[in-house]
Amino acid sequence: MDWRGVIFPGRGGTGRLLFQLLGAVGEFEWQLAIEQTRASVEQRRSNGGNLGGRRKSYSKQQQQLGHRLRGEGMTVSKFAAALGLSKGSAHRLLLEPLKAGV
């Protein structure tokens, strides 16, 4: 008895139909995952929730003080050292605008 046709029906119309069905189901699952991810992100944004990502290495108080010190003319290197931050974090801190009421 030849089992190749039963285990792997890759030849002929039956095999082609099987693979097209499996491909369609896979594409459907892929699209469903994308839709669910987008809906989740949209819901988190509308609720003001966390979208994930890396935490900031500075607090809101450090951000306020950094903006104030930089406005007073202190160099980035000096106020980074005063706040205990790296120069890269200090530059990122300055790129982020202060929010009203913070």
C-alpha atoms as a PDB file:
ATOM      1  CA  MET A   1       0.000   0.000   0.000  1.00  0.00           C
ATOM      2  CA  ASP A   2       1.283   3.486  -0.878  1.00  0.00           C
ATOM      3  CA  TRP A   3       0.905   5.832   2.152  1.00  0.00           C
ATOM      4  CA  ARG A   4       2.516   8.855   0.562  1.00  0.00           C
ATOM      5  CA  GLY A   5      -0.760  10.100  -0.869  1.00  0.00           C
ATOM      6  CA  VAL A   6      -2.557   9.702   2.456  1.00  0.00           C
ATOM      7  CA  ILE A   7       0.049  11.331   4.714  1.00  0.00           C
ATOM      8  CA  PHE A   8       1.052  14.112   2.338  1.00  0.00           C
ATOM      9  CA  PRO A   9      -1.551  14.791  -0.316  1.00  0.00           C
ATOM     10  CA  GLY A  10       0.576  17.401  -2.066  1.00  0.00           C
ATOM     11  CA  ARG A  11      -0.161  16.269  -5.575  1.00  0.00           C
ATOM     12  CA  GLY A  12      -3.334  16.932  -7.442  1.00  0.00           C
ATOM     13  CA  GLY A  13      -6.398  18.974  -6.657  1.00  0.00           C
ATOM     14  CA  THR A  14      -6.917  17.671  -3.117  1.00  0.00           C
ATOM     15  CA  GLY A  15      -3.455  18.687  -1.978  1.00  0.00           C
ATOM     16  CA  ARG A  16      -3.734  22.095  -3.597  1.00  0.00           C
ATOM     17  CA  LEU A  17      -7.100  22.674  -1.898  1.00  0.00           C
ATOM     18  CA  LEU A  18      -5.709  21.587   1.466  1.00  0.00           C
ATOM     19  CA  PHE A  19      -2.739  23.940   1.260  1.00  0.00           C
ATOM     20  CA  GLN A  20      -4.872  26.858   0.109  1.00  0.00           C
ATOM     21  CA  LEU A  21      -7.226  26.295   3.052  1.00  0.00           C
ATOM     22  CA  LEU A  22      -4.361  26.101   5.526  1.00  0.00           C
ATOM     23  CA  GLY A  23      -2.832  29.248   4.035  1.00  0.00           C
ATOM     24  CA  ALA A  24      -6.150  31.100   4.276  1.00  0.00           C
ATOM     25  CA  VAL A  25      -6.593  30.069   7.927  1.00  0.00           C
ATOM     26  CA  GLY A  26      -3.043  31.194   8.718  1.00  0.00           C
ATOM     27  CA  GLU A  27      -3.580  34.563   7.031  1.00  0.00           C
ATOM     28  CA  PHE A  28      -6.878  34.989   8.894  1.00  0.00           C
ATOM     29  CA  GLU A  29      -5.170  34.357  12.252  1.00  0.00           C
ATOM     30  CA  TRP A  30      -2.398  36.791  11.338  1.00  0.00           C
ATOM     31  CA  GLN A  31      -4.883  39.546  10.437  1.00  0.00           C
ATOM     32  CA  LEU A  32      -6.877  38.849  13.603  1.00  0.00           C
ATOM     33  CA  ALA A  33      -3.736  39.246  15.746  1.00  0.00           C
ATOM     34  CA  ILE A  34      -2.938  42.573  14.047  1.00  0.00           C
ATOM     35  CA  GLU A  35      -6.487  43.861  14.612  1.00  0.00           C
ATOM     36  CA  GLN A  36      -6.435  42.837  18.278  1.00  0.00           C
ATOM     37  CA  THR A  37      -3.057  44.499  18.824  1.00  0.00           C
ATOM     38  CA  ARG A  38      -4.217  47.745  17.223  1.00  0.00           C
ATOM     39  CA  ALA A  39      -7.440  47.710  19.248  1.00  0.00           C
ATOM     40  CA  SER A  40      -5.477  47.144  22.462  1.00  0.00           C
ATOM     41  CA  VAL A  41      -3.082  50.009  21.733  1.00  0.00           C
ATOM     42  CA  GLU A  42      -5.986  52.311  20.843  1.00  0.00           C
ATOM     43  CA  GLN A  43      -7.800  51.419  24.061  1.00  0.00           C
ATOM     44  CA  ARG A  44      -4.675  51.990  26.178  1.00  0.00           C
ATOM     45  CA  ARG A  45      -4.080  55.367  24.540  1.00  0.00           C
ATOM     46  CA  SER A  46      -7.688  56.471  25.068  1.00  0.00           C
ATOM     47  CA  ASN A  47      -7.545  55.465  28.738  1.00  0.00           C
ATOM     48  CA  GLY A  48      -4.161  57.110  29.254  1.00  0.00           C
ATOM     49  CA  GLY A  49      -2.586  53.746  30.013  1.00  0.00           C
ATOM     50  CA  ASN A  50       0.961  52.582  29.644  1.00  0.00           C
ATOM     51  CA  LEU A  51       1.961  51.404  26.172  1.00  0.00           C
ATOM     52  CA  GLY A  52       5.046  49.698  27.486  1.00  0.00           C
ATOM     53  CA  GLY A  53       8.541  50.738  26.618  1.00  0.00           C
ATOM     54  CA  ARG A  54      11.485  51.610  28.745  1.00  0.00           C
ATOM     55  CA  ARG A  55      11.067  53.637  31.920  1.00  0.00           C
ATOM     56  CA  LYS A  56      12.612  57.063  32.110  1.00  0.00           C
ATOM     57  CA  SER A  57      15.839  57.326  34.076  1.00  0.00           C
ATOM     58  CA  TYR A  58      14.763  60.633  35.625  1.00  0.00           C
ATOM     59  CA  SER A  59      11.834  61.816  37.703  1.00  0.00           C
ATOM     60  CA  LYS A  60       9.489  64.717  37.014  1.00  0.00           C
ATOM     61  CA  GLN A  61      11.272  66.714  39.707  1.00  0.00           C
ATOM     62  CA  GLN A  62      14.629  66.111  38.007  1.00  0.00           C
ATOM     63  CA  GLN A  63      13.087  67.162  34.706  1.00  0.00           C
ATOM     64  CA  GLN A  64      11.774  70.419  36.180  1.00  0.00           C
ATOM     65  CA  LEU A  65      15.098  71.180  37.850  1.00  0.00           C
ATOM     66  CA  GLY A  66      17.032  70.314  34.683  1.00  0.00           C
ATOM     67  CA  HIS A  67      14.949  72.689  32.579  1.00  0.00           C
ATOM     68  CA  ARG A  68      15.343  75.422  35.193  1.00  0.00           C
ATOM     69  CA  LEU A  69      19.118  74.961  35.491  1.00  0.00           C
ATOM     70  CA  ARG A  70      19.568  74.901  31.729  1.00  0.00           C
ATOM     71  CA  GLY A  71      17.433  78.048  31.462  1.00  0.00           C
ATOM     72  CA  GLU A  72      19.756  79.720  33.962  1.00  0.00           C
ATOM     73  CA  GLY A  73      22.694  78.966  31.677  1.00  0.00           C
ATOM     74  CA  MET A  74      24.214  75.880  33.318  1.00  0.00           C
ATOM     75  CA  THR A  75      25.873  73.475  30.866  1.00  0.00           C
ATOM     76  CA  VAL A  76      24.335  70.079  30.215  1.00  0.00           C
ATOM     77  CA  SER A  77      27.378  68.314  31.663  1.00  0.00           C
ATOM     78  CA  LYS A  78      27.178  70.268  34.918  1.00  0.00           C
ATOM     79  CA  PHE A  79      23.472  69.879  35.520  1.00  0.00           C
ATOM     80  CA  ALA A  80      23.656  66.194  34.520  1.00  0.00           C
ATOM     81  CA  ALA A  81      26.304  65.688  37.219  1.00  0.00           C
ATOM     82  CA  ALA A  82      24.256  67.702  39.716  1.00  0.00           C
ATOM     83  CA  LEU A  83      21.173  65.535  39.063  1.00  0.00           C
ATOM     84  CA  GLY A  84      23.105  62.264  38.947  1.00  0.00           C
ATOM     85  CA  LEU A  85      22.268  61.596  35.287  1.00  0.00           C
ATOM     86  CA  SER A  86      24.331  60.724  32.256  1.00  0.00           C
ATOM     87  CA  LYS A  87      24.767  63.392  29.602  1.00  0.00           C
ATOM     88  CA  GLY A  88      22.580  61.371  27.231  1.00  0.00           C
ATOM     89  CA  SER A  89      19.756  61.241  29.769  1.00  0.00           C
ATOM     90  CA  ALA A  90      20.157  64.963  30.388  1.00  0.00           C
ATOM     91  CA  HIS A  91      19.818  65.683  26.671  1.00  0.00           C
ATOM     92  CA  ARG A  92      16.702  63.474  26.453  1.00  0.00           C
ATOM     93  CA  LEU A  93      15.304  65.278  29.488  1.00  0.00           C
ATOM     94  CA  LEU A  94      15.693  68.607  27.691  1.00  0.00           C
ATOM     95  CA  LEU A  95      14.062  67.304  24.499  1.00  0.00           C
ATOM     96  CA  GLU A  96      10.907  66.422  26.394  1.00  0.00           C
ATOM     97  CA  PRO A  97       8.810  69.545  26.992  1.00  0.00           C
ATOM     98  CA  LEU A  98       7.516  70.309  30.466  1.00  0.00           C
ATOM     99  CA  LYS A  99       3.827  69.571  30.865  1.00  0.00           C
ATOM    100  CA  ALA A 100       1.585  72.239  32.336  1.00  0.00           C
ATOM    101  CA  GLY A 101       0.838  71.665  35.996  1.00  0.00           C
ATOM    102  CA  VAL A 102       3.876  69.471  36.541  1.00  0.00           C
END
